[in-house]
Amino acid sequence: MWTDVSRLDLVGRRRAILSYTLGMGLYALAIVALYPTFEHTTGLDKFTKDAPTVAALFGATGSLISPSGWLNVNLYANLFPLLVLLATIGYGAACLAGQDEEGTLAMVAALPIRRHRIAAEKVVAMCIQAALIVAVVTAVIALGHFFDISVSALDLWGASLGVLLLGIDFGLVAMAVGAATGSRGNAIGVASAIAAASYLVSSLAPVVTWIRPARFASLFYWSVGNKQLTVGLGVSELAVLLMTGVALASVTIAAFERLDLH
């Protein structure tokens, strides 16, 4: 049985969740609906050929007018993960460190509820928020088959699962830092910095030789940066994302057990 505080976390963020979901859903619908207009515009591919490094910064590699290339450069390589990260990192930083700074978390911890249960429920609440956003947006993207976007449903949902796990993992980074330091600012700063570095490494790895070996340390590579829309989310990629999440959740729970609440 969940505590009332965990329910309130979801209820209190329902407007933000709905805003993320609606906004991203409408953007995704616009992207898939515009594809027939651009699918024969071969000049778009000139961008990746003439300025591959600059293009890679925006997640643009390979053909931009293929169905998977179109979805990747306009959604999966950048904005889709970004909005999910905004939701998960924001909640991860607020749910423990933020509530501790506000003085409300100490009251919750004073109830006859074990700390590890409180932290675990916060993790589950974050997963629910992220799953809702990703599921709705992916369902909208799946409408692309009405607009000449022929991407395998299995690969599409696999890539979206990668986005979901990416968001959860970085949300857990924020939650772990917040549980360890009690500072919402530190939680947001550290998680955002690591996410930005991870994005840059994954984006530039295909075109910058000396960065390429570092791609294996990037969660973006394991989730959306390894042609997941074309070949699907592999077992090794799924395992890395899941094990990272489990490890971070364990660190979060252990850190929260030792946090000196205000």
C-alpha atoms as a PDB file:
ATOM      1  CA  MET A   1       0.000   0.000   0.000  1.00  0.00           C
ATOM      2  CA  TRP A   2       1.330   3.406  -0.949  1.00  0.00           C
ATOM      3  CA  THR A   3       1.686   6.269   1.492  1.00  0.00           C
ATOM      4  CA  ASP A   4      -0.491   9.355   0.962  1.00  0.00           C
ATOM      5  CA  VAL A   5       2.646  11.420   0.314  1.00  0.00           C
ATOM      6  CA  SER A   6       3.598   9.288  -2.680  1.00  0.00           C
ATOM      7  CA  ARG A   7       0.115   9.705  -4.112  1.00  0.00           C
ATOM      8  CA  LEU A   8       0.294  13.435  -3.523  1.00  0.00           C
ATOM      9  CA  ASP A   9       3.588  13.578  -5.410  1.00  0.00           C
ATOM     10  CA  LEU A  10       1.812  12.327  -8.518  1.00  0.00           C
ATOM     11  CA  VAL A  11      -1.304  14.410  -7.982  1.00  0.00           C
ATOM     12  CA  GLY A  12       0.739  17.544  -7.368  1.00  0.00           C
ATOM     13  CA  ARG A  13       2.636  17.094 -10.624  1.00  0.00           C
ATOM     14  CA  ARG A  14      -0.333  16.096 -12.756  1.00  0.00           C
ATOM     15  CA  ARG A  15      -0.475  19.455 -14.535  1.00  0.00           C
ATOM     16  CA  ALA A  16       3.217  19.338 -15.423  1.00  0.00           C
ATOM     17  CA  ILE A  17       2.904  15.735 -16.590  1.00  0.00           C
ATOM     18  CA  LEU A  18      -0.142  16.546 -18.721  1.00  0.00           C
ATOM     19  CA  SER A  19       1.620  19.600 -20.156  1.00  0.00           C
ATOM     20  CA  TYR A  20       4.703  17.583 -21.085  1.00  0.00           C
ATOM     21  CA  THR A  21       2.570  14.850 -22.590  1.00  0.00           C
ATOM     22  CA  LEU A  22       0.221  17.116 -24.531  1.00  0.00           C
ATOM     23  CA  GLY A  23       2.982  19.361 -25.822  1.00  0.00           C
ATOM     24  CA  MET A  24       5.205  16.487 -26.869  1.00  0.00           C
ATOM     25  CA  GLY A  25       2.276  14.603 -28.379  1.00  0.00           C
ATOM     26  CA  LEU A  26       1.279  17.572 -30.535  1.00  0.00           C
ATOM     27  CA  TYR A  27       4.877  18.120 -31.625  1.00  0.00           C
ATOM     28  CA  ALA A  28       5.242  14.430 -32.498  1.00  0.00           C
ATOM     29  CA  LEU A  29       2.027  14.538 -34.506  1.00  0.00           C
ATOM     30  CA  ALA A  30       3.304  17.549 -36.443  1.00  0.00           C
ATOM     31  CA  ILE A  31       6.584  15.776 -37.183  1.00  0.00           C
ATOM     32  CA  VAL A  32       4.974  12.617 -38.554  1.00  0.00           C
ATOM     33  CA  ALA A  33       2.399  14.625 -40.523  1.00  0.00           C
ATOM     34  CA  LEU A  34       5.126  16.723 -42.173  1.00  0.00           C
ATOM     35  CA  TYR A  35       7.184  13.743 -43.337  1.00  0.00           C
ATOM     36  CA  PRO A  36       5.457  13.298 -46.748  1.00  0.00           C
ATOM     37  CA  THR A  37       6.354  16.927 -47.541  1.00  0.00           C
ATOM     38  CA  PHE A  38      10.068  16.334 -46.986  1.00  0.00           C
ATOM     39  CA  GLU A  39      10.644  12.668 -47.815  1.00  0.00           C
ATOM     40  CA  HIS A  40      11.813  13.459 -51.352  1.00  0.00           C
ATOM     41  CA  THR A  41      13.812  16.572 -50.440  1.00  0.00           C
ATOM     42  CA  THR A  42      17.274  15.155 -51.035  1.00  0.00           C
ATOM     43  CA  GLY A  43      18.871  18.504 -50.248  1.00  0.00           C
ATOM     44  CA  LEU A  44      18.365  17.823 -46.524  1.00  0.00           C
ATOM     45  CA  ASP A  45      21.010  15.113 -46.643  1.00  0.00           C
ATOM     46  CA  LYS A  46      23.524  17.684 -47.900  1.00  0.00           C
ATOM     47  CA  PHE A  47      23.580  19.123 -44.373  1.00  0.00           C
ATOM     48  CA  THR A  48      25.005  15.952 -42.853  1.00  0.00           C
ATOM     49  CA  LYS A  49      27.518  15.554 -45.684  1.00  0.00           C
ATOM     50  CA  ASP A  50      28.829  19.128 -45.722  1.00  0.00           C
ATOM     51  CA  ALA A  51      28.926  19.734 -41.958  1.00  0.00           C
ATOM     52  CA  PRO A  52      28.851  16.309 -40.265  1.00  0.00           C
ATOM     53  CA  THR A  53      30.149  17.518 -36.889  1.00  0.00           C
ATOM     54  CA  VAL A  54      27.657  20.375 -36.617  1.00  0.00           C
ATOM     55  CA  ALA A  55      24.873  18.070 -37.780  1.00  0.00           C
ATOM     56  CA  ALA A  56      25.860  15.476 -35.203  1.00  0.00           C
ATOM     57  CA  LEU A  57      25.419  18.015 -32.409  1.00  0.00           C
ATOM     58  CA  PHE A  58      21.722  17.970 -33.304  1.00  0.00           C
ATOM     59  CA  GLY A  59      21.634  14.189 -33.546  1.00  0.00           C
ATOM     60  CA  ALA A  60      21.657  14.304 -37.352  1.00  0.00           C
ATOM     61  CA  THR A  61      23.692  11.505 -38.882  1.00  0.00           C
ATOM     62  CA  GLY A  62      23.037   9.518 -42.019  1.00  0.00           C
ATOM     63  CA  SER A  63      19.981  10.155 -44.172  1.00  0.00           C
ATOM     64  CA  LEU A  64      17.503  12.680 -42.801  1.00  0.00           C
ATOM     65  CA  ILE A  65      14.728  11.758 -45.240  1.00  0.00           C
ATOM     66  CA  SER A  66      14.473   8.060 -44.466  1.00  0.00           C
ATOM     67  CA  PRO A  67      11.613   7.268 -42.050  1.00  0.00           C
ATOM     68  CA  SER A  68      13.968   6.328 -39.203  1.00  0.00           C
ATOM     69  CA  GLY A  69      16.313   9.245 -39.952  1.00  0.00           C
ATOM     70  CA  TRP A  70      13.417  11.700 -39.943  1.00  0.00           C
ATOM     71  CA  LEU A  71      12.101  10.468 -36.596  1.00  0.00           C
ATOM     72  CA  ASN A  72      15.569  10.286 -35.121  1.00  0.00           C
ATOM     73  CA  VAL A  73      16.710  13.823 -35.951  1.00  0.00           C
ATOM     74  CA  ASN A  74      13.362  15.425 -35.062  1.00  0.00           C
ATOM     75  CA  LEU A  75      12.417  13.370 -32.014  1.00  0.00           C
ATOM     76  CA  TYR A  76      14.479  10.515 -30.648  1.00  0.00           C
ATOM     77  CA  ALA A  77      17.937  12.078 -30.849  1.00  0.00           C
ATOM     78  CA  ASN A  78      17.015  15.238 -28.978  1.00  0.00           C
ATOM     79  CA  LEU A  79      13.615  16.667 -28.006  1.00  0.00           C
ATOM     80  CA  PHE A  80      11.847  13.474 -26.944  1.00  0.00           C
ATOM     81  CA  PRO A  81      14.577  12.438 -24.467  1.00  0.00           C
ATOM     82  CA  LEU A  82      14.988  16.067 -23.360  1.00  0.00           C
ATOM     83  CA  LEU A  83      11.363  16.448 -22.264  1.00  0.00           C
ATOM     84  CA  VAL A  84      11.427  13.107 -20.492  1.00  0.00           C
ATOM     85  CA  LEU A  85      14.629  14.178 -18.717  1.00  0.00           C
ATOM     86  CA  LEU A  86      13.011  17.461 -17.678  1.00  0.00           C
ATOM     87  CA  ALA A  87      10.252  15.488 -16.008  1.00  0.00           C
ATOM     88  CA  THR A  88      12.409  12.842 -14.341  1.00  0.00           C
ATOM     89  CA  ILE A  89      15.347  15.010 -13.257  1.00  0.00           C
ATOM     90  CA  GLY A  90      12.939  17.652 -12.004  1.00  0.00           C
ATOM     91  CA  TYR A  91      11.012  15.139  -9.939  1.00  0.00           C
ATOM     92  CA  GLY A  92      14.145  13.288  -8.837  1.00  0.00           C
ATOM     93  CA  ALA A  93      15.606  16.495  -7.437  1.00  0.00           C
ATOM     94  CA  ALA A  94      12.355  17.656  -5.828  1.00  0.00           C
ATOM     95  CA  CYS A  95      10.980  14.475  -4.295  1.00  0.00           C
ATOM     96  CA  LEU A  96      13.676  14.061  -1.617  1.00  0.00           C
ATOM     97  CA  ALA A  97      16.095  16.999  -1.561  1.00  0.00           C
ATOM     98  CA  GLY A  98      13.433  19.539  -2.499  1.00  0.00           C
ATOM     99  CA  GLN A  99      11.000  18.325   0.130  1.00  0.00           C
ATOM    100  CA  ASP A 100      13.809  18.203   2.683  1.00  0.00           C
ATOM    101  CA  GLU A 101      14.646  21.853   1.976  1.00  0.00           C
ATOM    102  CA  GLU A 102      10.966  22.721   2.390  1.00  0.00           C
ATOM    103  CA  GLY A 103      10.866  20.891   5.717  1.00  0.00           C
ATOM    104  CA  THR A 104       8.073  18.501   4.710  1.00  0.00           C
ATOM    105  CA  LEU A 105      10.152  15.363   4.330  1.00  0.00           C
ATOM    106  CA  ALA A 106      11.077  15.223   8.017  1.00  0.00           C
ATOM    107  CA  MET A 107       7.393  15.031   8.913  1.00  0.00           C
ATOM    108  CA  VAL A 108       6.898  12.134   6.543  1.00  0.00           C
ATOM    109  CA  ALA A 109       9.959  10.316   7.891  1.00  0.00           C
ATOM    110  CA  ALA A 110       8.597  10.766  11.437  1.00  0.00           C
ATOM    111  CA  LEU A 111       5.601   8.590  10.538  1.00  0.00           C
ATOM    112  CA  PRO A 112       5.777   4.821  11.150  1.00  0.00           C
ATOM    113  CA  ILE A 113       7.072   4.264   7.613  1.00  0.00           C
ATOM    114  CA  ARG A 114      10.551   2.937   6.942  1.00  0.00           C
ATOM    115  CA  ARG A 115      12.790   5.282   5.000  1.00  0.00           C
ATOM    116  CA  HIS A 116      13.636   2.691   2.394  1.00  0.00           C
ATOM    117  CA  ARG A 117       9.918   2.348   1.628  1.00  0.00           C
ATOM    118  CA  ILE A 118       9.531   6.113   1.193  1.00  0.00           C
ATOM    119  CA  ALA A 119      12.480   6.232  -1.204  1.00  0.00           C
ATOM    120  CA  ALA A 120      11.277   3.166  -3.119  1.00  0.00           C
ATOM    121  CA  GLU A 121       7.846   4.691  -3.591  1.00  0.00           C
ATOM    122  CA  LYS A 122       9.408   7.894  -4.886  1.00  0.00           C
ATOM    123  CA  VAL A 123      11.271   5.807  -7.478  1.00  0.00           C
ATOM    124  CA  VAL A 124       8.039   4.082  -8.523  1.00  0.00           C
ATOM    125  CA  ALA A 125       6.210   7.425  -8.758  1.00  0.00           C
ATOM    126  CA  MET A 126       8.919   8.743 -11.078  1.00  0.00           C
ATOM    127  CA  CYS A 127       8.704   5.640 -13.261  1.00  0.00           C
ATOM    128  CA  ILE A 128       4.932   6.052 -13.578  1.00  0.00           C
ATOM    129  CA  GLN A 129       5.259   9.676 -14.674  1.00  0.00           C
ATOM    130  CA  ALA A 130       7.909   8.870 -17.270  1.00  0.00           C
ATOM    131  CA  ALA A 131       6.045   5.811 -18.562  1.00  0.00           C
ATOM    132  CA  LEU A 132       2.875   7.827 -19.121  1.00  0.00           C
ATOM    133  CA  ILE A 133       4.695  10.499 -21.124  1.00  0.00           C
ATOM    134  CA  VAL A 134       6.603   7.978 -23.246  1.00  0.00           C
ATOM    135  CA  ALA A 135       3.605   5.722 -23.890  1.00  0.00           C
ATOM    136  CA  VAL A 136       1.344   8.544 -25.080  1.00  0.00           C
ATOM    137  CA  VAL A 137       4.004  10.139 -27.269  1.00  0.00           C
ATOM    138  CA  THR A 138       4.968   6.800 -28.812  1.00  0.00           C
ATOM    139  CA  ALA A 139       1.330   6.034 -29.577  1.00  0.00           C
ATOM    140  CA  VAL A 140       1.151   9.351 -31.465  1.00  0.00           C
ATOM    141  CA  ILE A 141       4.392   8.610 -33.329  1.00  0.00           C
ATOM    142  CA  ALA A 142       2.970   5.211 -34.300  1.00  0.00           C
ATOM    143  CA  LEU A 143       0.386   7.083 -36.351  1.00  0.00           C
ATOM    144  CA  GLY A 144       3.255   7.734 -38.736  1.00  0.00           C
ATOM    145  CA  HIS A 145       2.291   4.699 -40.772  1.00  0.00           C
ATOM    146  CA  PHE A 146      -0.549   6.861 -42.118  1.00  0.00           C
ATOM    147  CA  PHE A 147       2.071   9.356 -43.328  1.00  0.00           C
ATOM    148  CA  ASP A 148       4.517   7.054 -45.171  1.00  0.00           C
ATOM    149  CA  ILE A 149       6.694   6.456 -42.090  1.00  0.00           C
ATOM    150  CA  SER A 150       7.424   2.764 -42.344  1.00  0.00           C
ATOM    151  CA  VAL A 151       9.250   1.927 -39.122  1.00  0.00           C
ATOM    152  CA  SER A 152       8.781  -1.440 -37.465  1.00  0.00           C
ATOM    153  CA  ALA A 153       6.434  -1.201 -34.476  1.00  0.00           C
ATOM    154  CA  LEU A 154       8.840  -3.383 -32.508  1.00  0.00           C
ATOM    155  CA  ASP A 155      11.770  -1.085 -33.253  1.00  0.00           C
ATOM    156  CA  LEU A 156       9.675   2.017 -32.546  1.00  0.00           C
ATOM    157  CA  TRP A 157       8.504   0.818 -29.139  1.00  0.00           C
ATOM    158  CA  GLY A 158      11.979  -0.539 -28.409  1.00  0.00           C
ATOM    159  CA  ALA A 159      13.518   2.883 -29.075  1.00  0.00           C
ATOM    160  CA  SER A 160      10.855   4.466 -26.865  1.00  0.00           C
ATOM    161  CA  LEU A 161      11.667   1.981 -24.115  1.00  0.00           C
ATOM    162  CA  GLY A 162      15.243   3.206 -24.410  1.00  0.00           C
ATOM    163  CA  VAL A 163      14.046   6.804 -23.956  1.00  0.00           C
ATOM    164  CA  LEU A 164      12.008   5.751 -20.923  1.00  0.00           C
ATOM    165  CA  LEU A 165      14.914   3.962 -19.250  1.00  0.00           C
ATOM    166  CA  LEU A 166      17.249   6.846 -20.091  1.00  0.00           C
ATOM    167  CA  GLY A 167      14.898   9.265 -18.354  1.00  0.00           C
ATOM    168  CA  ILE A 168      14.516   7.024 -15.325  1.00  0.00           C
ATOM    169  CA  ASP A 169      18.272   6.524 -15.003  1.00  0.00           C
ATOM    170  CA  PHE A 170      19.040  10.244 -15.021  1.00  0.00           C
ATOM    171  CA  GLY A 171      16.110  10.912 -12.734  1.00  0.00           C
ATOM    172  CA  LEU A 172      17.675   8.431 -10.342  1.00  0.00           C
ATOM    173  CA  VAL A 173      20.997  10.268 -10.617  1.00  0.00           C
ATOM    174  CA  ALA A 174      19.208  13.414  -9.433  1.00  0.00           C
ATOM    175  CA  MET A 175      17.416  11.487  -6.704  1.00  0.00           C
ATOM    176  CA  ALA A 176      20.640   9.837  -5.495  1.00  0.00           C
ATOM    177  CA  VAL A 177      22.539  13.140  -5.371  1.00  0.00           C
ATOM    178  CA  GLY A 178      19.616  14.768  -3.593  1.00  0.00           C
ATOM    179  CA  ALA A 179      19.409  11.936  -1.079  1.00  0.00           C
ATOM    180  CA  ALA A 180      23.143  12.171  -0.430  1.00  0.00           C
ATOM    181  CA  THR A 181      23.432  15.952  -0.145  1.00  0.00           C
ATOM    182  CA  GLY A 182      19.955  17.186   0.732  1.00  0.00           C
ATOM    183  CA  SER A 183      20.380  19.879  -1.932  1.00  0.00           C
ATOM    184  CA  ARG A 184      17.930  20.213  -4.794  1.00  0.00           C
ATOM    185  CA  GLY A 185      20.328  22.494  -6.651  1.00  0.00           C
ATOM    186  CA  ASN A 186      23.124  19.941  -6.472  1.00  0.00           C
ATOM    187  CA  ALA A 187      20.774  17.211  -7.653  1.00  0.00           C
ATOM    188  CA  ILE A 188      19.632  19.165 -10.710  1.00  0.00           C
ATOM    189  CA  GLY A 189      23.127  20.441 -11.501  1.00  0.00           C
ATOM    190  CA  VAL A 190      24.917  17.098 -11.314  1.00  0.00           C
ATOM    191  CA  ALA A 191      22.236  15.136 -13.178  1.00  0.00           C
ATOM    192  CA  SER A 192      21.917  17.788 -15.898  1.00  0.00           C
ATOM    193  CA  ALA A 193      25.687  18.047 -16.362  1.00  0.00           C
ATOM    194  CA  ILE A 194      26.098  14.289 -16.692  1.00  0.00           C
ATOM    195  CA  ALA A 195      23.144  14.104 -19.093  1.00  0.00           C
ATOM    196  CA  ALA A 196      24.596  16.903 -21.255  1.00  0.00           C
ATOM    197  CA  ALA A 197      28.007  15.234 -21.383  1.00  0.00           C
ATOM    198  CA  SER A 198      26.389  11.904 -22.196  1.00  0.00           C
ATOM    199  CA  TYR A 199      24.423  13.485 -25.056  1.00  0.00           C
ATOM    200  CA  LEU A 200      27.492  15.164 -26.543  1.00  0.00           C
ATOM    201  CA  VAL A 201      29.573  11.993 -26.422  1.00  0.00           C
ATOM    202  CA  SER A 202      26.858   9.905 -28.056  1.00  0.00           C
ATOM    203  CA  SER A 203      26.088  12.535 -30.715  1.00  0.00           C
ATOM    204  CA  LEU A 204      29.686  13.232 -31.699  1.00  0.00           C
ATOM    205  CA  ALA A 205      30.969   9.643 -31.516  1.00  0.00           C
ATOM    206  CA  PRO A 206      29.916   8.769 -35.101  1.00  0.00           C
ATOM    207  CA  VAL A 207      31.915  11.655 -36.597  1.00  0.00           C
ATOM    208  CA  VAL A 208      34.749  12.412 -34.131  1.00  0.00           C
ATOM    209  CA  THR A 209      37.238   9.567 -34.012  1.00  0.00           C
ATOM    210  CA  TRP A 210      38.857  10.321 -30.655  1.00  0.00           C
ATOM    211  CA  ILE A 211      35.472  10.501 -28.915  1.00  0.00           C
ATOM    212  CA  ARG A 212      34.226   7.211 -30.346  1.00  0.00           C
ATOM    213  CA  PRO A 213      35.683   4.902 -27.647  1.00  0.00           C
ATOM    214  CA  ALA A 214      33.936   6.935 -24.938  1.00  0.00           C
ATOM    215  CA  ARG A 215      30.488   6.215 -26.376  1.00  0.00           C
ATOM    216  CA  PHE A 216      30.154   3.111 -24.209  1.00  0.00           C
ATOM    217  CA  ALA A 217      30.123   5.346 -21.117  1.00  0.00           C
ATOM    218  CA  SER A 218      27.159   7.320 -22.483  1.00  0.00           C
ATOM    219  CA  LEU A 219      23.633   6.309 -21.503  1.00  0.00           C
ATOM    220  CA  PHE A 220      22.403   8.151 -24.602  1.00  0.00           C
ATOM    221  CA  TYR A 221      24.407   5.721 -26.720  1.00  0.00           C
ATOM    222  CA  TRP A 222      22.803   2.717 -25.042  1.00  0.00           C
ATOM    223  CA  SER A 223      19.297   4.148 -25.344  1.00  0.00           C
ATOM    224  CA  VAL A 224      18.961   6.179 -28.560  1.00  0.00           C
ATOM    225  CA  GLY A 225      22.434   6.621 -30.050  1.00  0.00           C
ATOM    226  CA  ASN A 226      23.043   3.201 -31.608  1.00  0.00           C
ATOM    227  CA  LYS A 227      20.461   3.066 -34.422  1.00  0.00           C
ATOM    228  CA  GLN A 228      17.739   1.734 -32.144  1.00  0.00           C
ATOM    229  CA  LEU A 229      15.032   2.960 -34.521  1.00  0.00           C
ATOM    230  CA  THR A 230      16.548   0.797 -37.269  1.00  0.00           C
ATOM    231  CA  VAL A 231      17.685  -2.327 -35.453  1.00  0.00           C
ATOM    232  CA  GLY A 232      15.701  -2.092 -32.226  1.00  0.00           C
ATOM    233  CA  LEU A 233      16.801  -2.012 -28.610  1.00  0.00           C
ATOM    234  CA  GLY A 234      19.236  -4.891 -28.132  1.00  0.00           C
ATOM    235  CA  VAL A 235      19.527  -7.186 -25.138  1.00  0.00           C
ATOM    236  CA  SER A 236      22.884  -5.699 -24.141  1.00  0.00           C
ATOM    237  CA  GLU A 237      21.484  -2.164 -24.344  1.00  0.00           C
ATOM    238  CA  LEU A 238      18.451  -3.108 -22.284  1.00  0.00           C
ATOM    239  CA  ALA A 239      20.667  -4.823 -19.715  1.00  0.00           C
ATOM    240  CA  VAL A 240      22.959  -1.786 -19.333  1.00  0.00           C
ATOM    241  CA  LEU A 241      20.032   0.602 -18.851  1.00  0.00           C
ATOM    242  CA  LEU A 242      18.241  -1.681 -16.397  1.00  0.00           C
ATOM    243  CA  MET A 243      21.335  -2.501 -14.339  1.00  0.00           C
ATOM    244  CA  THR A 244      22.246   1.183 -14.169  1.00  0.00           C
ATOM    245  CA  GLY A 245      18.768   1.951 -12.894  1.00  0.00           C
ATOM    246  CA  VAL A 246      18.867  -0.789 -10.267  1.00  0.00           C
ATOM    247  CA  ALA A 247      22.291   0.364  -9.067  1.00  0.00           C
ATOM    248  CA  LEU A 248      21.198   4.000  -8.840  1.00  0.00           C
ATOM    249  CA  ALA A 249      17.974   3.085  -7.040  1.00  0.00           C
ATOM    250  CA  SER A 250      20.002   1.103  -4.493  1.00  0.00           C
ATOM    251  CA  VAL A 251      22.344   4.046  -3.978  1.00  0.00           C
ATOM    252  CA  THR A 252      19.361   6.373  -3.546  1.00  0.00           C
ATOM    253  CA  ILE A 253      17.744   4.195  -0.897  1.00  0.00           C
ATOM    254  CA  ALA A 254      21.020   3.726   0.986  1.00  0.00           C
ATOM    255  CA  ALA A 255      21.787   7.470   0.871  1.00  0.00           C
ATOM    256  CA  PHE A 256      18.314   8.417   2.071  1.00  0.00           C
ATOM    257  CA  GLU A 257      18.670   6.092   5.051  1.00  0.00           C
ATOM    258  CA  ARG A 258      21.623   8.258   6.180  1.00  0.00           C
ATOM    259  CA  LEU A 259      20.304  11.691   5.216  1.00  0.00           C
ATOM    260  CA  ASP A 260      20.079  14.140   8.105  1.00  0.00           C
ATOM    261  CA  LEU A 261      16.641  15.650   7.549  1.00  0.00           C
ATOM    262  CA  HIS A 262      15.815  19.271   8.320  1.00  0.00           C
END
